[in-house]
Amino acid sequence: METEAVLRLLRDVADEVINPRFRSLAAGDIDEKGPGDLVTTADREAERLITDALLAAYPGAVVLGEEAYAGRPELLAEFWAADHAFTVDPVDGTKNFVHGSPDHAVMVGEVRDGQAVRGWIWQPQHHTAYVAELGGGAWRDGERLLRPPAPTRPQWRGVTSRRALVGRALAGDLRPLELTWVSCGIDYPQLAQGAADYVVYGRANPWDHVPGGLLLTEAGGFLGTATGTATGTATGTATGTAYRPRDQEPDGSVPRRVVAAADRATYDAVVALL
């Protein structure tokens, strides 16, 4: 499928099954996959429509959908082993969606030989599209997106999805961490556009990080894992590893912490402080 065709698919699916339910969810439309982990009828129907369309176009591909994984966890291993795969997050920011916040998104990522090659983020309530292609740049509504230079370190704005870290400063010269927009489909575009300078995330589920991670890196930012043995140096930098969709912990789980940043130097400095 052409890049624009996939974006049209996300828009059409949002118009069909997501937007009609925005601020109109019935009680029977909302379930819990686990304590506090919400899923809606819109999530399930959108994922099915997107998955069916991708498999029709690419019958040999593995499609890792967030909701499909919840019912079949072995799908993650199939994704890691696949030569060609897609990630699907049908309503990224489900809690926001349930509570009537426009900060949610529909996301798809394409992976070939373990490398993210294309990513799509459609924010249906903001009517904004973000698309990235490996080596082809990051784009917002057809206009090239470039990450602004990071400010000096004391002015860095850091946000986190880990609520235990909210209000804490990683160092005495840094501002306290704030909560993210609670949707990777909002967070990554905001970071790529300069609204924050680094993000500390928890688990690196591929459906959350493949599309936005490619958008960020193609815009000039950096995304890396932060669960290894990074060690600070006299200059305050640290070694780190760029995020890859096949990244795994020794126990076979996804990385438990990733850091997205305005650039590699900011990433290294943050990792050294974690």
C-alpha atoms as a PDB file:
ATOM      1  CA  MET A   1       0.000   0.000   0.000  1.00  0.00           C
ATOM      2  CA  GLU A   2       1.234   3.473  -0.785  1.00  0.00           C
ATOM      3  CA  THR A   3       1.984   5.632   2.235  1.00  0.00           C
ATOM      4  CA  GLU A   4      -0.953   7.914   1.505  1.00  0.00           C
ATOM      5  CA  ALA A   5      -3.290   4.932   1.161  1.00  0.00           C
ATOM      6  CA  VAL A   6      -2.458   3.726   4.670  1.00  0.00           C
ATOM      7  CA  LEU A   7      -3.110   7.216   6.025  1.00  0.00           C
ATOM      8  CA  ARG A   8      -6.494   7.253   4.244  1.00  0.00           C
ATOM      9  CA  LEU A   9      -7.240   3.885   5.842  1.00  0.00           C
ATOM     10  CA  LEU A  10      -6.633   5.292   9.321  1.00  0.00           C
ATOM     11  CA  ARG A  11      -8.790   8.333   8.612  1.00  0.00           C
ATOM     12  CA  ASP A  12     -11.607   6.230   7.201  1.00  0.00           C
ATOM     13  CA  VAL A  13     -11.553   3.793  10.110  1.00  0.00           C
ATOM     14  CA  ALA A  14     -11.595   6.667  12.598  1.00  0.00           C
ATOM     15  CA  ASP A  15     -14.565   8.210  10.824  1.00  0.00           C
ATOM     16  CA  GLU A  16     -16.389   4.878  10.789  1.00  0.00           C
ATOM     17  CA  VAL A  17     -15.922   3.464  14.289  1.00  0.00           C
ATOM     18  CA  ILE A  18     -13.986   5.896  16.518  1.00  0.00           C
ATOM     19  CA  ASN A  19     -15.360   9.399  15.991  1.00  0.00           C
ATOM     20  CA  PRO A  20     -19.052   8.404  16.300  1.00  0.00           C
ATOM     21  CA  ARG A  21     -18.282   7.074  19.794  1.00  0.00           C
ATOM     22  CA  PHE A  22     -16.198  10.025  20.971  1.00  0.00           C
ATOM     23  CA  ARG A  23     -17.956  11.423  24.053  1.00  0.00           C
ATOM     24  CA  SER A  24     -20.826   9.027  23.238  1.00  0.00           C
ATOM     25  CA  LEU A  25     -19.609   5.729  24.693  1.00  0.00           C
ATOM     26  CA  ALA A  26     -22.247   3.552  26.289  1.00  0.00           C
ATOM     27  CA  ALA A  27     -21.462   1.620  29.452  1.00  0.00           C
ATOM     28  CA  GLY A  28     -21.319  -1.595  27.438  1.00  0.00           C
ATOM     29  CA  ASP A  29     -18.675  -0.099  25.146  1.00  0.00           C
ATOM     30  CA  ILE A  30     -16.003  -0.037  27.876  1.00  0.00           C
ATOM     31  CA  ASP A  31     -14.159  -3.015  29.358  1.00  0.00           C
ATOM     32  CA  GLU A  32     -10.987  -3.618  31.367  1.00  0.00           C
ATOM     33  CA  LYS A  33      -8.208  -5.883  30.086  1.00  0.00           C
ATOM     34  CA  GLY A  34      -6.691  -5.583  33.557  1.00  0.00           C
ATOM     35  CA  PRO A  35      -7.086  -3.252  36.518  1.00  0.00           C
ATOM     36  CA  GLY A  36      -7.233   0.262  35.081  1.00  0.00           C
ATOM     37  CA  ASP A  37      -6.313  -0.944  31.566  1.00  0.00           C
ATOM     38  CA  LEU A  38      -9.297   0.139  29.498  1.00  0.00           C
ATOM     39  CA  VAL A  39     -10.421  -1.096  26.105  1.00  0.00           C
ATOM     40  CA  THR A  40     -13.470   0.015  24.158  1.00  0.00           C
ATOM     41  CA  THR A  41     -15.585  -1.241  21.319  1.00  0.00           C
ATOM     42  CA  ALA A  42     -13.910   1.423  19.199  1.00  0.00           C
ATOM     43  CA  ASP A  43     -10.456  -0.072  19.939  1.00  0.00           C
ATOM     44  CA  ARG A  44     -11.530  -3.560  18.944  1.00  0.00           C
ATOM     45  CA  GLU A  45     -13.448  -2.611  15.813  1.00  0.00           C
ATOM     46  CA  ALA A  46     -10.778  -0.197  14.573  1.00  0.00           C
ATOM     47  CA  GLU A  47      -8.021  -2.767  15.058  1.00  0.00           C
ATOM     48  CA  ARG A  48      -9.979  -5.415  13.178  1.00  0.00           C
ATOM     49  CA  LEU A  49     -10.626  -3.120  10.208  1.00  0.00           C
ATOM     50  CA  ILE A  50      -7.023  -1.923   9.999  1.00  0.00           C
ATOM     51  CA  THR A  51      -5.598  -5.428  10.441  1.00  0.00           C
ATOM     52  CA  ASP A  52      -7.880  -6.889   7.757  1.00  0.00           C
ATOM     53  CA  ALA A  53      -6.853  -4.185   5.275  1.00  0.00           C
ATOM     54  CA  LEU A  54      -3.127  -4.645   5.953  1.00  0.00           C
ATOM     55  CA  LEU A  55      -3.325  -8.430   5.647  1.00  0.00           C
ATOM     56  CA  ALA A  56      -5.274  -8.122   2.417  1.00  0.00           C
ATOM     57  CA  ALA A  57      -2.473  -5.989   0.993  1.00  0.00           C
ATOM     58  CA  TYR A  58       0.368  -7.991   2.597  1.00  0.00           C
ATOM     59  CA  PRO A  59      -0.801 -11.581   3.189  1.00  0.00           C
ATOM     60  CA  GLY A  60       2.603 -12.736   4.445  1.00  0.00           C
ATOM     61  CA  ALA A  61       3.059  -9.992   7.029  1.00  0.00           C
ATOM     62  CA  VAL A  62       2.595 -10.296  10.783  1.00  0.00           C
ATOM     63  CA  VAL A  63       0.278  -7.681  12.252  1.00  0.00           C
ATOM     64  CA  LEU A  64       0.859  -6.986  15.944  1.00  0.00           C
ATOM     65  CA  GLY A  65      -2.224  -5.220  17.236  1.00  0.00           C
ATOM     66  CA  GLU A  66      -2.433  -4.105  20.840  1.00  0.00           C
ATOM     67  CA  GLU A  67      -5.799  -5.803  21.360  1.00  0.00           C
ATOM     68  CA  ALA A  68      -4.809  -8.957  19.473  1.00  0.00           C
ATOM     69  CA  TYR A  69      -1.739  -9.248  21.691  1.00  0.00           C
ATOM     70  CA  ALA A  70      -3.924  -8.977  24.807  1.00  0.00           C
ATOM     71  CA  GLY A  71      -5.729 -12.127  23.687  1.00  0.00           C
ATOM     72  CA  ARG A  72      -2.709 -13.918  22.198  1.00  0.00           C
ATOM     73  CA  PRO A  73       0.587 -12.894  23.848  1.00  0.00           C
ATOM     74  CA  GLU A  74       2.618 -15.238  21.622  1.00  0.00           C
ATOM     75  CA  LEU A  75       1.952 -12.778  18.795  1.00  0.00           C
ATOM     76  CA  LEU A  76       4.822 -10.659  20.115  1.00  0.00           C
ATOM     77  CA  ALA A  77       7.351 -13.435  19.438  1.00  0.00           C
ATOM     78  CA  GLU A  78       5.929 -13.821  15.928  1.00  0.00           C
ATOM     79  CA  PHE A  79       6.396 -10.099  15.388  1.00  0.00           C
ATOM     80  CA  TRP A  80      10.015 -10.227  16.549  1.00  0.00           C
ATOM     81  CA  ALA A  81      10.746 -13.125  14.193  1.00  0.00           C
ATOM     82  CA  ALA A  82       8.965 -11.698  11.149  1.00  0.00           C
ATOM     83  CA  ASP A  83      10.777 -10.314   8.108  1.00  0.00           C
ATOM     84  CA  HIS A  84       7.820  -8.006   7.474  1.00  0.00           C
ATOM     85  CA  ALA A  85       5.435  -6.798  10.144  1.00  0.00           C
ATOM     86  CA  PHE A  86       3.100  -4.009  11.196  1.00  0.00           C
ATOM     87  CA  THR A  87       2.137  -2.609  14.577  1.00  0.00           C
ATOM     88  CA  VAL A  88      -1.389  -1.323  15.153  1.00  0.00           C
ATOM     89  CA  ASP A  89      -2.583   0.817  18.044  1.00  0.00           C
ATOM     90  CA  PRO A  90      -6.219   1.483  17.156  1.00  0.00           C
ATOM     91  CA  VAL A  91      -6.938   4.071  19.848  1.00  0.00           C
ATOM     92  CA  ASP A  92      -3.711   5.149  21.495  1.00  0.00           C
ATOM     93  CA  GLY A  93      -4.677   6.981  24.665  1.00  0.00           C
ATOM     94  CA  THR A  94      -7.803   4.952  25.398  1.00  0.00           C
ATOM     95  CA  LYS A  95      -8.224   6.511  28.840  1.00  0.00           C
ATOM     96  CA  ASN A  96      -8.176   9.960  27.276  1.00  0.00           C
ATOM     97  CA  PHE A  97     -10.739   8.788  24.711  1.00  0.00           C
ATOM     98  CA  VAL A  98     -13.000   7.342  27.417  1.00  0.00           C
ATOM     99  CA  HIS A  99     -12.788  10.546  29.458  1.00  0.00           C
ATOM    100  CA  GLY A 100     -13.610  12.747  26.485  1.00  0.00           C
ATOM    101  CA  SER A 101     -10.131  14.153  25.847  1.00  0.00           C
ATOM    102  CA  PRO A 102      -9.231  14.810  22.202  1.00  0.00           C
ATOM    103  CA  ASP A 103      -5.665  13.660  22.936  1.00  0.00           C
ATOM    104  CA  HIS A 104      -5.785  10.230  21.343  1.00  0.00           C
ATOM    105  CA  ALA A 105      -4.550   8.809  18.063  1.00  0.00           C
ATOM    106  CA  VAL A 106      -4.673   5.946  15.581  1.00  0.00           C
ATOM    107  CA  MET A 107      -1.183   4.559  14.885  1.00  0.00           C
ATOM    108  CA  VAL A 108       0.420   2.076  12.519  1.00  0.00           C
ATOM    109  CA  GLY A 109       4.097   1.216  12.111  1.00  0.00           C
ATOM    110  CA  GLU A 110       5.771  -0.888   9.438  1.00  0.00           C
ATOM    111  CA  VAL A 111       8.863  -2.978  10.225  1.00  0.00           C
ATOM    112  CA  ARG A 112      11.119  -4.780   7.753  1.00  0.00           C
ATOM    113  CA  ASP A 113      13.943  -7.027   8.928  1.00  0.00           C
ATOM    114  CA  GLY A 114      13.585  -5.625  12.423  1.00  0.00           C
ATOM    115  CA  GLN A 115      13.821  -1.961  11.416  1.00  0.00           C
ATOM    116  CA  ALA A 116      11.023   0.595  11.425  1.00  0.00           C
ATOM    117  CA  VAL A 117      10.574   1.841   7.856  1.00  0.00           C
ATOM    118  CA  ARG A 118       7.250   3.700   7.886  1.00  0.00           C
ATOM    119  CA  GLY A 119       5.001   5.166  10.551  1.00  0.00           C
ATOM    120  CA  TRP A 120       1.589   6.818  10.622  1.00  0.00           C
ATOM    121  CA  ILE A 121      -0.148   8.794  13.379  1.00  0.00           C
ATOM    122  CA  TRP A 122      -3.647  10.163  12.829  1.00  0.00           C
ATOM    123  CA  GLN A 123      -5.084  12.395  15.536  1.00  0.00           C
ATOM    124  CA  PRO A 124      -8.793  12.310  14.632  1.00  0.00           C
ATOM    125  CA  GLN A 125     -10.014  15.035  16.964  1.00  0.00           C
ATOM    126  CA  HIS A 126      -7.124  17.358  16.123  1.00  0.00           C
ATOM    127  CA  HIS A 127      -7.473  16.532  12.395  1.00  0.00           C
ATOM    128  CA  THR A 128      -3.698  16.219  12.149  1.00  0.00           C
ATOM    129  CA  ALA A 129      -1.611  13.576  10.400  1.00  0.00           C
ATOM    130  CA  TYR A 130       2.031  12.663  11.023  1.00  0.00           C
ATOM    131  CA  VAL A 131       3.882  10.376   8.632  1.00  0.00           C
ATOM    132  CA  ALA A 132       7.499   9.219   8.625  1.00  0.00           C
ATOM    133  CA  GLU A 133       9.570   7.106   6.252  1.00  0.00           C
ATOM    134  CA  LEU A 134      13.054   5.790   6.948  1.00  0.00           C
ATOM    135  CA  GLY A 135      15.437   8.134   5.169  1.00  0.00           C
ATOM    136  CA  GLY A 136      12.504  10.114   3.795  1.00  0.00           C
ATOM    137  CA  GLY A 137      11.857  12.456   6.697  1.00  0.00           C
ATOM    138  CA  ALA A 138       9.032  13.259   9.084  1.00  0.00           C
ATOM    139  CA  TRP A 139       5.953  15.105   7.918  1.00  0.00           C
ATOM    140  CA  ARG A 140       2.996  16.879   9.489  1.00  0.00           C
ATOM    141  CA  ASP A 141       0.044  17.326   7.129  1.00  0.00           C
ATOM    142  CA  GLY A 142       2.418  17.206   4.185  1.00  0.00           C
ATOM    143  CA  GLU A 143       4.947  19.692   5.571  1.00  0.00           C
ATOM    144  CA  ARG A 144       8.454  18.655   6.588  1.00  0.00           C
ATOM    145  CA  LEU A 145       8.887  18.365  10.358  1.00  0.00           C
ATOM    146  CA  LEU A 146      12.257  19.151  11.939  1.00  0.00           C
ATOM    147  CA  ARG A 147      12.930  19.038  15.659  1.00  0.00           C
ATOM    148  CA  PRO A 148      14.002  22.477  17.003  1.00  0.00           C
ATOM    149  CA  PRO A 149      17.378  22.535  18.784  1.00  0.00           C
ATOM    150  CA  ALA A 150      17.198  21.703  22.477  1.00  0.00           C
ATOM    151  CA  PRO A 151      17.555  24.669  24.855  1.00  0.00           C
ATOM    152  CA  THR A 152      20.335  24.826  27.411  1.00  0.00           C
ATOM    153  CA  ARG A 153      20.132  22.098  30.049  1.00  0.00           C
ATOM    154  CA  PRO A 154      18.440  24.073  32.886  1.00  0.00           C
ATOM    155  CA  GLN A 155      15.600  24.909  30.485  1.00  0.00           C
ATOM    156  CA  TRP A 156      14.954  21.329  29.407  1.00  0.00           C
ATOM    157  CA  ARG A 157      11.356  20.283  29.821  1.00  0.00           C
ATOM    158  CA  GLY A 158      11.077  16.625  30.741  1.00  0.00           C
ATOM    159  CA  VAL A 159       7.879  14.594  30.799  1.00  0.00           C
ATOM    160  CA  THR A 160       7.214  11.018  31.842  1.00  0.00           C
ATOM    161  CA  SER A 161       4.567   8.344  31.629  1.00  0.00           C
ATOM    162  CA  ARG A 162       5.775   6.935  34.958  1.00  0.00           C
ATOM    163  CA  ARG A 163       3.537   8.636  37.487  1.00  0.00           C
ATOM    164  CA  ALA A 164       5.916   7.842  40.357  1.00  0.00           C
ATOM    165  CA  LEU A 165       8.458  10.169  38.719  1.00  0.00           C
ATOM    166  CA  VAL A 166       6.083  13.105  38.174  1.00  0.00           C
ATOM    167  CA  GLY A 167       7.223  16.089  40.226  1.00  0.00           C
ATOM    168  CA  ARG A 168      10.751  14.725  40.705  1.00  0.00           C
ATOM    169  CA  ALA A 169      13.834  16.285  39.147  1.00  0.00           C
ATOM    170  CA  LEU A 170      16.497  13.944  37.786  1.00  0.00           C
ATOM    171  CA  ALA A 171      19.192  16.427  38.862  1.00  0.00           C
ATOM    172  CA  GLY A 172      19.378  19.639  40.837  1.00  0.00           C
ATOM    173  CA  ASP A 173      19.708  21.795  37.725  1.00  0.00           C
ATOM    174  CA  LEU A 174      16.738  20.204  35.933  1.00  0.00           C
ATOM    175  CA  ARG A 175      13.061  21.061  36.123  1.00  0.00           C
ATOM    176  CA  PRO A 176      10.775  18.517  37.813  1.00  0.00           C
ATOM    177  CA  LEU A 177       9.305  15.954  35.465  1.00  0.00           C
ATOM    178  CA  GLU A 178       5.752  16.549  34.285  1.00  0.00           C
ATOM    179  CA  LEU A 179       3.175  14.016  33.136  1.00  0.00           C
ATOM    180  CA  THR A 180       3.093  13.279  29.402  1.00  0.00           C
ATOM    181  CA  TRP A 181      -0.002  13.816  27.270  1.00  0.00           C
ATOM    182  CA  VAL A 182      -0.826  10.194  28.196  1.00  0.00           C
ATOM    183  CA  SER A 183      -0.783   9.020  24.578  1.00  0.00           C
ATOM    184  CA  CYS A 184       2.319   8.176  22.574  1.00  0.00           C
ATOM    185  CA  GLY A 185       0.427   9.370  19.506  1.00  0.00           C
ATOM    186  CA  ILE A 186       0.392  12.828  21.085  1.00  0.00           C
ATOM    187  CA  ASP A 187       3.684  12.661  23.012  1.00  0.00           C
ATOM    188  CA  TYR A 188       5.975  11.923  20.080  1.00  0.00           C
ATOM    189  CA  PRO A 189       4.628  14.682  17.829  1.00  0.00           C
ATOM    190  CA  GLN A 190       4.847  17.135  20.730  1.00  0.00           C
ATOM    191  CA  LEU A 191       8.463  16.126  21.373  1.00  0.00           C
ATOM    192  CA  ALA A 192       9.317  16.315  17.677  1.00  0.00           C
ATOM    193  CA  GLN A 193       7.859  19.828  17.546  1.00  0.00           C
ATOM    194  CA  GLY A 194       9.697  21.100  20.631  1.00  0.00           C
ATOM    195  CA  ALA A 195       6.946  21.091  23.269  1.00  0.00           C
ATOM    196  CA  ALA A 196       9.185  18.888  25.450  1.00  0.00           C
ATOM    197  CA  ASP A 197      12.870  17.992  25.329  1.00  0.00           C
ATOM    198  CA  TYR A 198      12.866  14.459  26.694  1.00  0.00           C
ATOM    199  CA  VAL A 199      10.398  11.755  27.699  1.00  0.00           C
ATOM    200  CA  VAL A 200      11.009   8.936  30.170  1.00  0.00           C
ATOM    201  CA  TYR A 201       8.786   5.983  29.323  1.00  0.00           C
ATOM    202  CA  GLY A 202       8.131   2.652  30.956  1.00  0.00           C
ATOM    203  CA  ARG A 203       7.603  -0.470  28.844  1.00  0.00           C
ATOM    204  CA  ALA A 204       8.562  -0.193  25.193  1.00  0.00           C
ATOM    205  CA  ASN A 205       5.590  -1.959  23.622  1.00  0.00           C
ATOM    206  CA  PRO A 206       6.166  -1.844  19.845  1.00  0.00           C
ATOM    207  CA  TRP A 207       2.680  -0.568  19.016  1.00  0.00           C
ATOM    208  CA  ASP A 208       3.363   2.443  21.253  1.00  0.00           C
ATOM    209  CA  HIS A 209       6.865   3.312  20.063  1.00  0.00           C
ATOM    210  CA  VAL A 210       7.457   2.188  16.467  1.00  0.00           C
ATOM    211  CA  PRO A 211       5.423   4.906  14.684  1.00  0.00           C
ATOM    212  CA  GLY A 212       6.355   7.814  16.957  1.00  0.00           C
ATOM    213  CA  GLY A 213       9.937   6.688  17.358  1.00  0.00           C
ATOM    214  CA  LEU A 214      10.464   6.803  13.609  1.00  0.00           C
ATOM    215  CA  LEU A 215       8.759  10.202  13.434  1.00  0.00           C
ATOM    216  CA  LEU A 216      11.080  11.536  16.130  1.00  0.00           C
ATOM    217  CA  THR A 217      14.300  10.164  14.679  1.00  0.00           C
ATOM    218  CA  GLU A 218      13.447  11.297  11.157  1.00  0.00           C
ATOM    219  CA  ALA A 219      12.784  14.772  12.599  1.00  0.00           C
ATOM    220  CA  GLY A 220      16.262  14.783  14.168  1.00  0.00           C
ATOM    221  CA  GLY A 221      15.582  13.423  17.648  1.00  0.00           C
ATOM    222  CA  PHE A 222      16.747  10.229  19.324  1.00  0.00           C
ATOM    223  CA  LEU A 223      15.005   7.236  20.903  1.00  0.00           C
ATOM    224  CA  GLY A 224      16.897   4.654  22.904  1.00  0.00           C
ATOM    225  CA  THR A 225      16.568   2.017  25.565  1.00  0.00           C
ATOM    226  CA  ALA A 226      17.685   2.827  29.087  1.00  0.00           C
ATOM    227  CA  THR A 227      17.751  -0.531  30.801  1.00  0.00           C
ATOM    228  CA  GLY A 228      21.309  -1.611  30.041  1.00  0.00           C
ATOM    229  CA  THR A 229      24.520  -0.846  31.874  1.00  0.00           C
ATOM    230  CA  ALA A 230      24.883   2.765  30.790  1.00  0.00           C
ATOM    231  CA  THR A 231      27.505   4.445  32.967  1.00  0.00           C
ATOM    232  CA  GLY A 232      27.996   8.166  33.441  1.00  0.00           C
ATOM    233  CA  THR A 233      31.367   9.690  32.652  1.00  0.00           C
ATOM    234  CA  ALA A 234      33.142  12.791  33.848  1.00  0.00           C
ATOM    235  CA  THR A 235      31.316  14.789  31.190  1.00  0.00           C
ATOM    236  CA  GLY A 236      27.935  13.545  32.335  1.00  0.00           C
ATOM    237  CA  THR A 237      27.265  11.567  29.152  1.00  0.00           C
ATOM    238  CA  ALA A 238      26.443   7.877  28.916  1.00  0.00           C
ATOM    239  CA  THR A 239      26.554   5.152  26.354  1.00  0.00           C
ATOM    240  CA  GLY A 240      23.178   3.976  25.131  1.00  0.00           C
ATOM    241  CA  THR A 241      21.485   1.904  22.482  1.00  0.00           C
ATOM    242  CA  ALA A 242      19.142   3.221  19.829  1.00  0.00           C
ATOM    243  CA  TYR A 243      15.689   1.662  20.079  1.00  0.00           C
ATOM    244  CA  ARG A 244      14.871  -1.176  17.690  1.00  0.00           C
ATOM    245  CA  PRO A 245      11.477  -2.884  17.402  1.00  0.00           C
ATOM    246  CA  ARG A 246      13.052  -6.268  18.181  1.00  0.00           C
ATOM    247  CA  ASP A 247      14.690  -5.103  21.413  1.00  0.00           C
ATOM    248  CA  GLN A 248      14.180  -7.550  24.269  1.00  0.00           C
ATOM    249  CA  GLU A 249      15.172  -7.925  27.897  1.00  0.00           C
ATOM    250  CA  PRO A 250      17.149 -11.075  28.840  1.00  0.00           C
ATOM    251  CA  ASP A 251      13.900 -12.688  30.000  1.00  0.00           C
ATOM    252  CA  GLY A 252      12.293 -12.164  26.580  1.00  0.00           C
ATOM    253  CA  SER A 253      10.106  -9.223  27.557  1.00  0.00           C
ATOM    254  CA  VAL A 254      10.082  -5.798  25.928  1.00  0.00           C
ATOM    255  CA  PRO A 255      12.507  -3.176  27.318  1.00  0.00           C
ATOM    256  CA  ARG A 256      11.263  -1.806  30.624  1.00  0.00           C
ATOM    257  CA  ARG A 257      12.396   1.773  30.057  1.00  0.00           C
ATOM    258  CA  VAL A 258      13.050   3.922  27.025  1.00  0.00           C
ATOM    259  CA  VAL A 259      14.011   7.564  26.711  1.00  0.00           C
ATOM    260  CA  ALA A 260      12.998   9.784  23.801  1.00  0.00           C
ATOM    261  CA  ALA A 261      14.906  13.023  23.436  1.00  0.00           C
ATOM    262  CA  ALA A 262      15.508  16.081  21.307  1.00  0.00           C
ATOM    263  CA  ASP A 263      18.917  14.724  20.287  1.00  0.00           C
ATOM    264  CA  ARG A 264      21.508  12.115  21.200  1.00  0.00           C
ATOM    265  CA  ALA A 265      23.342  14.393  23.634  1.00  0.00           C
ATOM    266  CA  THR A 266      20.154  15.042  25.617  1.00  0.00           C
ATOM    267  CA  TYR A 267      19.363  11.323  25.633  1.00  0.00           C
ATOM    268  CA  ASP A 268      22.835  10.442  26.911  1.00  0.00           C
ATOM    269  CA  ALA A 269      22.611  13.009  29.698  1.00  0.00           C
ATOM    270  CA  VAL A 270      19.181  11.786  30.824  1.00  0.00           C
ATOM    271  CA  VAL A 271      20.156   8.113  30.768  1.00  0.00           C
ATOM    272  CA  ALA A 272      23.176   8.900  32.947  1.00  0.00           C
ATOM    273  CA  LEU A 273      20.813  10.336  35.574  1.00  0.00           C
ATOM    274  CA  LEU A 274      18.287   7.509  35.678  1.00  0.00           C
END
